[in-house]
Amino acid sequence: MTVGLGAALGILGVHAVMDVQKKRVNLILMGICLAAGVIWQVFGQKTDVGEILLSCLPGALLLAMAYLTEQKIGYGDGWIVVTAGVWTGTWDVFLILTGGMLVCAVCSGVLLALKKVRREDSLPFIPFLFVGCIGRILL
């Protein structure tokens, strides 16, 4: 496991707990994690700025979706994906996001079939991203 994946796992784990408990994320903590990731990439890994910006693209797309759907997808979910992307890179963040979406879709389908949730209900998404990160690490 790389330093970036380990950091992303920790960040997602902490924010997953917050997302489940409070249905919110701490934007100050996330901002600190994002800044630390940028500093680590630029000075520690010598990653070029274009690659860092590319790794933010999946999160930026989620932020755009949050705006377009009037926050059916939360802004916090977008920012956490931006942060994870900075730490892990473009390829890994796509794998984490895809894995999280697949697990979320399966769990949502099961919960709907069991009538534990309704179509109008919302589920915290960051725990699914955490599971997606675990899946990426195990690959």
Protein backbone atom coordinates (compact mmCIF):
# COMPACT_ATOMS: atom_id res chain seq x y z
CA MET A 1 0.00 0.00 0.00
CA THR A 2 1.33 3.43 -0.93
CA VAL A 3 1.44 6.44 1.37
CA GLY A 4 -1.27 8.09 -0.72
CA LEU A 5 -3.64 5.13 -0.47
CA GLY A 6 -2.99 4.88 3.27
CA ALA A 7 -3.72 8.57 3.73
CA ALA A 8 -6.88 8.31 1.61
CA LEU A 9 -8.03 5.30 3.63
CA GLY A 10 -7.57 7.23 6.87
CA ILE A 11 -9.27 10.36 5.54
CA LEU A 12 -12.20 8.36 4.15
CA GLY A 13 -12.50 6.36 7.37
CA VAL A 14 -12.70 9.44 9.59
CA HIS A 15 -15.12 11.21 7.27
CA ALA A 16 -17.25 8.07 6.84
CA VAL A 17 -17.89 8.03 10.58
CA MET A 18 -18.82 11.73 10.50
CA ASP A 19 -21.07 11.18 7.49
CA VAL A 20 -22.96 8.35 9.20
CA GLN A 21 -23.26 10.10 12.56
CA LYS A 22 -23.98 13.68 11.51
CA LYS A 23 -24.88 13.43 7.79
CA ARG A 24 -22.24 16.15 7.37
CA VAL A 25 -18.51 16.35 6.87
CA ASN A 26 -16.06 18.72 8.51
CA LEU A 27 -14.94 21.02 5.71
CA ILE A 28 -12.12 22.50 7.80
CA LEU A 29 -10.61 19.06 8.44
CA MET A 30 -11.11 18.14 4.81
CA GLY A 31 -9.43 21.38 3.71
CA ILE A 32 -6.45 20.59 5.92
CA CYS A 33 -6.25 17.08 4.43
CA LEU A 34 -6.52 18.51 0.90
CA ALA A 35 -3.79 21.09 1.55
CA ALA A 36 -1.55 18.43 3.10
CA GLY A 37 -2.07 16.23 0.04
CA VAL A 38 -1.16 19.02 -2.35
CA ILE A 39 1.96 19.86 -0.33
CA TRP A 40 2.95 16.18 -0.19
CA GLN A 41 2.45 15.74 -3.94
CA VAL A 42 4.29 18.92 -4.94
CA PHE A 43 7.22 18.79 -2.53
CA GLY A 44 7.43 15.13 -1.50
CA GLN A 45 6.49 13.34 -4.70
CA LYS A 46 7.49 16.09 -7.16
CA THR A 47 4.19 15.58 -9.01
CA ASP A 48 3.48 18.17 -11.68
CA VAL A 49 0.53 20.50 -11.24
CA GLY A 50 -1.29 19.19 -14.32
CA GLU A 51 -1.36 15.67 -12.90
CA ILE A 52 -2.64 16.95 -9.56
CA LEU A 53 -5.41 18.88 -11.31
CA LEU A 54 -6.32 15.79 -13.36
CA SER A 55 -6.62 13.76 -10.15
CA CYS A 56 -9.15 16.33 -8.91
CA LEU A 57 -11.38 15.86 -11.97
CA PRO A 58 -13.65 13.08 -10.57
CA GLY A 59 -14.32 15.16 -7.46
CA ALA A 60 -14.92 18.27 -9.55
CA LEU A 61 -17.48 16.33 -11.59
CA LEU A 62 -19.23 15.27 -8.36
CA LEU A 63 -19.26 18.89 -7.21
CA ALA A 64 -20.87 19.85 -10.53
CA MET A 65 -23.43 17.07 -10.07
CA ALA A 66 -24.16 18.34 -6.56
CA TYR A 67 -24.90 21.75 -8.01
CA LEU A 68 -26.97 20.43 -10.92
CA THR A 69 -29.04 18.06 -8.73
CA GLU A 70 -29.59 20.64 -5.99
CA GLN A 71 -27.47 18.56 -3.60
CA LYS A 72 -28.98 15.12 -4.17
CA ILE A 73 -25.27 14.36 -4.14
CA GLY A 74 -23.70 16.41 -1.37
CA TYR A 75 -20.90 18.90 -1.82
CA GLY A 76 -19.02 17.08 0.93
CA ASP A 77 -18.96 13.93 -1.20
CA GLY A 78 -17.39 15.90 -4.04
CA TRP A 79 -14.79 17.49 -1.80
CA ILE A 80 -13.85 14.16 -0.24
CA VAL A 81 -13.29 12.70 -3.72
CA VAL A 82 -11.14 15.73 -4.65
CA THR A 83 -9.10 15.15 -1.49
CA ALA A 84 -8.77 11.40 -2.10
CA GLY A 85 -7.78 12.13 -5.69
CA VAL A 86 -4.98 14.43 -4.66
CA TRP A 87 -3.59 11.78 -2.32
CA THR A 88 -4.01 8.76 -4.62
CA GLY A 89 -3.81 10.03 -8.19
CA THR A 90 -6.21 9.85 -11.11
CA TRP A 91 -6.31 6.09 -11.69
CA ASP A 92 -6.75 5.12 -8.06
CA VAL A 93 -9.44 7.71 -7.36
CA PHE A 94 -11.43 6.44 -10.36
CA LEU A 95 -11.15 2.90 -8.96
CA ILE A 96 -12.19 4.07 -5.48
CA LEU A 97 -15.14 6.04 -6.87
CA THR A 98 -16.27 3.21 -9.16
CA GLY A 99 -16.01 0.66 -6.35
CA GLY A 100 -17.90 2.94 -3.99
CA MET A 101 -20.67 3.49 -6.54
CA LEU A 102 -21.00 -0.24 -7.22
CA VAL A 103 -21.22 -1.10 -3.53
CA CYS A 104 -23.68 1.76 -2.98
CA ALA A 105 -25.87 0.55 -5.87
CA VAL A 106 -25.95 -3.03 -4.57
CA CYS A 107 -26.67 -1.96 -0.97
CA SER A 108 -29.33 0.50 -2.10
CA GLY A 109 -31.01 -2.19 -4.21
CA VAL A 110 -31.01 -4.65 -1.33
CA LEU A 111 -32.35 -2.06 1.13
CA LEU A 112 -35.07 -1.05 -1.33
CA ALA A 113 -36.04 -4.69 -1.94
CA LEU A 114 -36.25 -5.30 1.82
CA LYS A 115 -38.25 -2.08 2.20
CA LYS A 116 -35.74 -0.68 4.70
CA VAL A 117 -35.48 2.56 2.73
CA ARG A 118 -37.66 4.44 0.25
CA ARG A 119 -36.61 5.95 -3.05
CA GLU A 120 -36.74 9.42 -1.48
CA ASP A 121 -34.36 8.48 1.35
CA SER A 122 -30.69 9.34 1.19
CA LEU A 123 -27.73 7.26 2.24
CA PRO A 124 -24.34 8.57 3.36
CA PHE A 125 -21.97 8.03 0.43
CA ILE A 126 -18.55 8.37 2.07
CA PRO A 127 -18.76 4.96 3.81
CA PHE A 128 -19.14 3.40 0.36
CA LEU A 129 -16.07 5.31 -0.82
CA PHE A 130 -14.23 3.90 2.21
CA VAL A 131 -15.21 0.38 1.12
CA GLY A 132 -14.13 1.25 -2.44
CA CYS A 133 -10.73 2.32 -1.08
CA ILE A 134 -10.37 -0.95 0.81
CA GLY A 135 -11.22 -2.78 -2.41
CA ARG A 136 -8.57 -0.78 -4.29
CA ILE A 137 -5.96 -1.61 -1.68
CA LEU A 138 -6.81 -5.32 -1.93
CA LEU A 139 -6.46 -5.30 -5.75
